[in-house]
Amino acid sequence: MHCKEFAAFWETIQGEWPNVEFEEVSVVTTKGQELAQKHMIFASPGIIINGELFSTGGVDKKKFLEKLKELTQ
């Protein structure tokens, strides 16, 4: 459920972040399993930004936007 919520949230803001690439990876795929193991993701969604785990099991939208702003300055 949290994954769908985050994807819907991303759709509402993606126009503000044209240089940010969003990729949804299912944990049932090989790539998803590798990412979950590498970043020790036990709850979805696992949000990875620039190769580093940002959050798991829900997203604080305010902190997410702050992180994007920080990275684009």
N, C-alpha and C. Protein backbone atom coordinates (compact mmCIF):
# COMPACT_ATOMS: atom_id res chain seq x y z
N MET A 1 0.81 -1.19 0.00
CA MET A 1 0.00 0.00 0.00
C MET A 1 0.86 1.26 0.00
N HIS A 2 1.90 1.28 0.81
CA HIS A 2 2.76 2.47 0.86
C HIS A 2 3.42 2.74 -0.49
N CYS A 3 3.73 1.68 -1.25
CA CYS A 3 4.37 1.86 -2.55
C CYS A 3 3.44 2.63 -3.49
N LYS A 4 2.19 2.23 -3.52
CA LYS A 4 1.23 2.91 -4.39
C LYS A 4 1.04 4.36 -3.95
N GLU A 5 1.02 4.58 -2.65
CA GLU A 5 0.88 5.95 -2.14
C GLU A 5 2.06 6.81 -2.57
N PHE A 6 3.26 6.26 -2.46
CA PHE A 6 4.44 7.04 -2.86
C PHE A 6 4.43 7.29 -4.36
N ALA A 7 4.09 6.29 -5.16
CA ALA A 7 4.04 6.46 -6.61
C ALA A 7 3.04 7.55 -6.98
N ALA A 8 1.89 7.57 -6.33
CA ALA A 8 0.88 8.60 -6.59
C ALA A 8 1.41 9.97 -6.18
N PHE A 9 2.10 10.05 -5.05
CA PHE A 9 2.70 11.30 -4.60
C PHE A 9 3.73 11.77 -5.62
N TRP A 10 4.57 10.86 -6.09
CA TRP A 10 5.60 11.22 -7.06
C TRP A 10 4.96 11.79 -8.33
N GLU A 11 3.87 11.20 -8.78
CA GLU A 11 3.19 11.69 -9.98
C GLU A 11 2.76 13.14 -9.82
N THR A 12 2.40 13.54 -8.61
CA THR A 12 1.93 14.92 -8.39
C THR A 12 3.08 15.92 -8.36
N ILE A 13 4.30 15.47 -8.09
CA ILE A 13 5.43 16.41 -7.96
C ILE A 13 6.50 16.25 -9.03
N GLN A 14 6.42 15.21 -9.84
CA GLN A 14 7.52 14.93 -10.77
C GLN A 14 7.81 16.07 -11.74
N GLY A 15 6.81 16.86 -12.09
CA GLY A 15 7.03 17.99 -12.97
C GLY A 15 7.96 19.04 -12.39
N GLU A 16 8.03 19.09 -11.06
CA GLU A 16 8.90 20.05 -10.38
C GLU A 16 10.35 19.57 -10.34
N TRP A 17 10.56 18.30 -10.66
CA TRP A 17 11.88 17.68 -10.56
C TRP A 17 12.24 16.97 -11.87
N PRO A 18 12.39 17.72 -12.97
CA PRO A 18 12.63 17.09 -14.27
C PRO A 18 13.95 16.33 -14.37
N ASN A 19 14.89 16.63 -13.49
CA ASN A 19 16.19 15.96 -13.54
C ASN A 19 16.28 14.76 -12.60
N VAL A 20 15.17 14.42 -11.95
CA VAL A 20 15.16 13.29 -11.03
C VAL A 20 14.52 12.09 -11.74
N GLU A 21 15.23 10.99 -11.72
CA GLU A 21 14.74 9.76 -12.34
C GLU A 21 14.08 8.89 -11.28
N PHE A 22 12.87 8.46 -11.57
CA PHE A 22 12.11 7.59 -10.66
C PHE A 22 12.02 6.21 -11.30
N GLU A 23 12.36 5.20 -10.53
CA GLU A 23 12.25 3.83 -11.02
C GLU A 23 11.59 2.99 -9.93
N GLU A 24 10.51 2.35 -10.30
CA GLU A 24 9.83 1.45 -9.37
C GLU A 24 10.32 0.04 -9.66
N VAL A 25 10.86 -0.62 -8.63
CA VAL A 25 11.40 -1.96 -8.78
C VAL A 25 10.68 -2.88 -7.81
N SER A 26 10.07 -3.92 -8.33
CA SER A 26 9.35 -4.87 -7.49
C SER A 26 10.33 -5.81 -6.79
N VAL A 27 10.04 -6.08 -5.54
CA VAL A 27 10.90 -6.97 -4.75
C VAL A 27 10.81 -8.42 -5.24
N VAL A 28 9.84 -8.74 -6.06
CA VAL A 28 9.75 -10.11 -6.58
C VAL A 28 10.66 -10.34 -7.78
N THR A 29 11.31 -9.27 -8.27
CA THR A 29 12.26 -9.42 -9.36
C THR A 29 13.66 -9.65 -8.78
N THR A 30 14.54 -10.14 -9.61
CA THR A 30 15.93 -10.35 -9.18
C THR A 30 16.55 -9.03 -8.75
N LYS A 31 16.35 -7.99 -9.54
CA LYS A 31 16.91 -6.68 -9.20
C LYS A 31 16.35 -6.19 -7.86
N GLY A 32 15.06 -6.35 -7.66
CA GLY A 32 14.43 -5.93 -6.42
C GLY A 32 14.96 -6.69 -5.22
N GLN A 33 15.16 -7.97 -5.37
CA GLN A 33 15.70 -8.78 -4.28
C GLN A 33 17.13 -8.38 -3.96
N GLU A 34 17.91 -8.09 -5.00
CA GLU A 34 19.29 -7.66 -4.79
C GLU A 34 19.35 -6.32 -4.05
N LEU A 35 18.49 -5.38 -4.47
CA LEU A 35 18.46 -4.07 -3.80
C LEU A 35 18.00 -4.20 -2.35
N ALA A 36 16.98 -5.01 -2.13
CA ALA A 36 16.47 -5.20 -0.76
C ALA A 36 17.54 -5.80 0.14
N GLN A 37 18.27 -6.76 -0.38
CA GLN A 37 19.33 -7.40 0.41
C GLN A 37 20.49 -6.42 0.64
N LYS A 38 20.91 -5.74 -0.40
CA LYS A 38 22.04 -4.81 -0.30
C LYS A 38 21.78 -3.70 0.72
N HIS A 39 20.54 -3.17 0.70
CA HIS A 39 20.21 -2.04 1.56
C HIS A 39 19.44 -2.44 2.82
N MET A 40 19.29 -3.75 3.01
CA MET A 40 18.58 -4.30 4.17
C MET A 40 17.18 -3.69 4.31
N ILE A 41 16.44 -3.74 3.21
CA ILE A 41 15.07 -3.21 3.18
C ILE A 41 14.13 -4.33 3.60
N PHE A 42 13.42 -4.12 4.70
CA PHE A 42 12.48 -5.12 5.21
C PHE A 42 11.03 -4.67 5.12
N ALA A 43 10.81 -3.40 4.76
CA ALA A 43 9.45 -2.87 4.62
C ALA A 43 9.40 -1.99 3.38
N SER A 44 8.28 -2.01 2.70
CA SER A 44 8.17 -1.22 1.49
C SER A 44 7.35 0.04 1.74
N PRO A 45 7.62 1.07 0.99
CA PRO A 45 8.66 1.12 -0.05
C PRO A 45 10.02 1.39 0.56
N GLY A 46 11.02 0.90 -0.12
CA GLY A 46 12.38 1.26 0.21
C GLY A 46 12.77 2.35 -0.78
N ILE A 47 13.10 3.51 -0.30
CA ILE A 47 13.46 4.63 -1.17
C ILE A 47 14.98 4.78 -1.15
N ILE A 48 15.56 4.64 -2.33
CA ILE A 48 17.01 4.76 -2.49
C ILE A 48 17.28 6.01 -3.31
N ILE A 49 18.10 6.88 -2.79
CA ILE A 49 18.46 8.11 -3.49
C ILE A 49 19.97 8.13 -3.68
N ASN A 50 20.38 8.22 -4.92
CA ASN A 50 21.82 8.24 -5.26
C ASN A 50 22.56 7.06 -4.65
N GLY A 51 21.93 5.89 -4.68
CA GLY A 51 22.57 4.68 -4.21
C GLY A 51 22.56 4.47 -2.71
N GLU A 52 21.93 5.39 -1.97
CA GLU A 52 21.87 5.27 -0.52
C GLU A 52 20.43 5.14 -0.06
N LEU A 53 20.20 4.30 0.93
CA LEU A 53 18.86 4.13 1.47
C LEU A 53 18.40 5.41 2.16
N PHE A 54 17.25 5.92 1.74
CA PHE A 54 16.67 7.12 2.33
C PHE A 54 15.63 6.75 3.38
N SER A 55 14.74 5.81 3.04
CA SER A 55 13.70 5.41 3.99
C SER A 55 13.10 4.07 3.60
N THR A 56 12.45 3.45 4.56
CA THR A 56 11.70 2.22 4.30
C THR A 56 10.38 2.27 5.05
N GLY A 57 9.39 1.58 4.49
CA GLY A 57 8.11 1.41 5.17
C GLY A 57 7.28 2.66 5.31
N GLY A 58 7.33 3.52 4.34
CA GLY A 58 6.60 4.78 4.41
C GLY A 58 7.56 5.92 4.22
N VAL A 59 7.03 7.03 3.75
CA VAL A 59 7.90 8.15 3.41
C VAL A 59 7.36 9.43 4.05
N ASP A 60 8.25 10.13 4.72
CA ASP A 60 7.93 11.46 5.23
C ASP A 60 8.09 12.39 4.03
N LYS A 61 6.98 12.85 3.47
CA LYS A 61 7.01 13.64 2.24
C LYS A 61 7.82 14.92 2.41
N LYS A 62 7.71 15.55 3.55
CA LYS A 62 8.45 16.78 3.79
C LYS A 62 9.96 16.52 3.76
N LYS A 63 10.40 15.48 4.44
CA LYS A 63 11.83 15.14 4.46
C LYS A 63 12.32 14.73 3.07
N PHE A 64 11.45 14.03 2.33
CA PHE A 64 11.80 13.62 0.98
C PHE A 64 12.04 14.85 0.10
N LEU A 65 11.13 15.81 0.16
CA LEU A 65 11.28 17.03 -0.63
C LEU A 65 12.50 17.83 -0.19
N GLU A 66 12.77 17.86 1.12
CA GLU A 66 13.97 18.53 1.62
C GLU A 66 15.22 17.89 1.07
N LYS A 67 15.22 16.57 0.99
CA LYS A 67 16.38 15.84 0.45
C LYS A 67 16.58 16.17 -1.02
N LEU A 68 15.49 16.20 -1.79
CA LEU A 68 15.61 16.55 -3.20
C LEU A 68 16.16 17.97 -3.37
N LYS A 69 15.67 18.90 -2.56
CA LYS A 69 16.15 20.27 -2.63
C LYS A 69 17.64 20.35 -2.28
N GLU A 70 18.03 19.61 -1.25
CA GLU A 70 19.43 19.58 -0.82
C GLU A 70 20.33 19.08 -1.95
N LEU A 71 19.88 18.07 -2.66
CA LEU A 71 20.69 17.47 -3.71
C LEU A 71 20.74 18.31 -4.99
N THR A 72 19.80 19.21 -5.15
CA THR A 72 19.77 19.99 -6.39
C THR A 72 20.35 21.39 -6.21
N GLN A 73 20.85 21.70 -5.04
CA GLN A 73 21.44 23.02 -4.81
C GLN A 73 22.88 23.04 -5.25
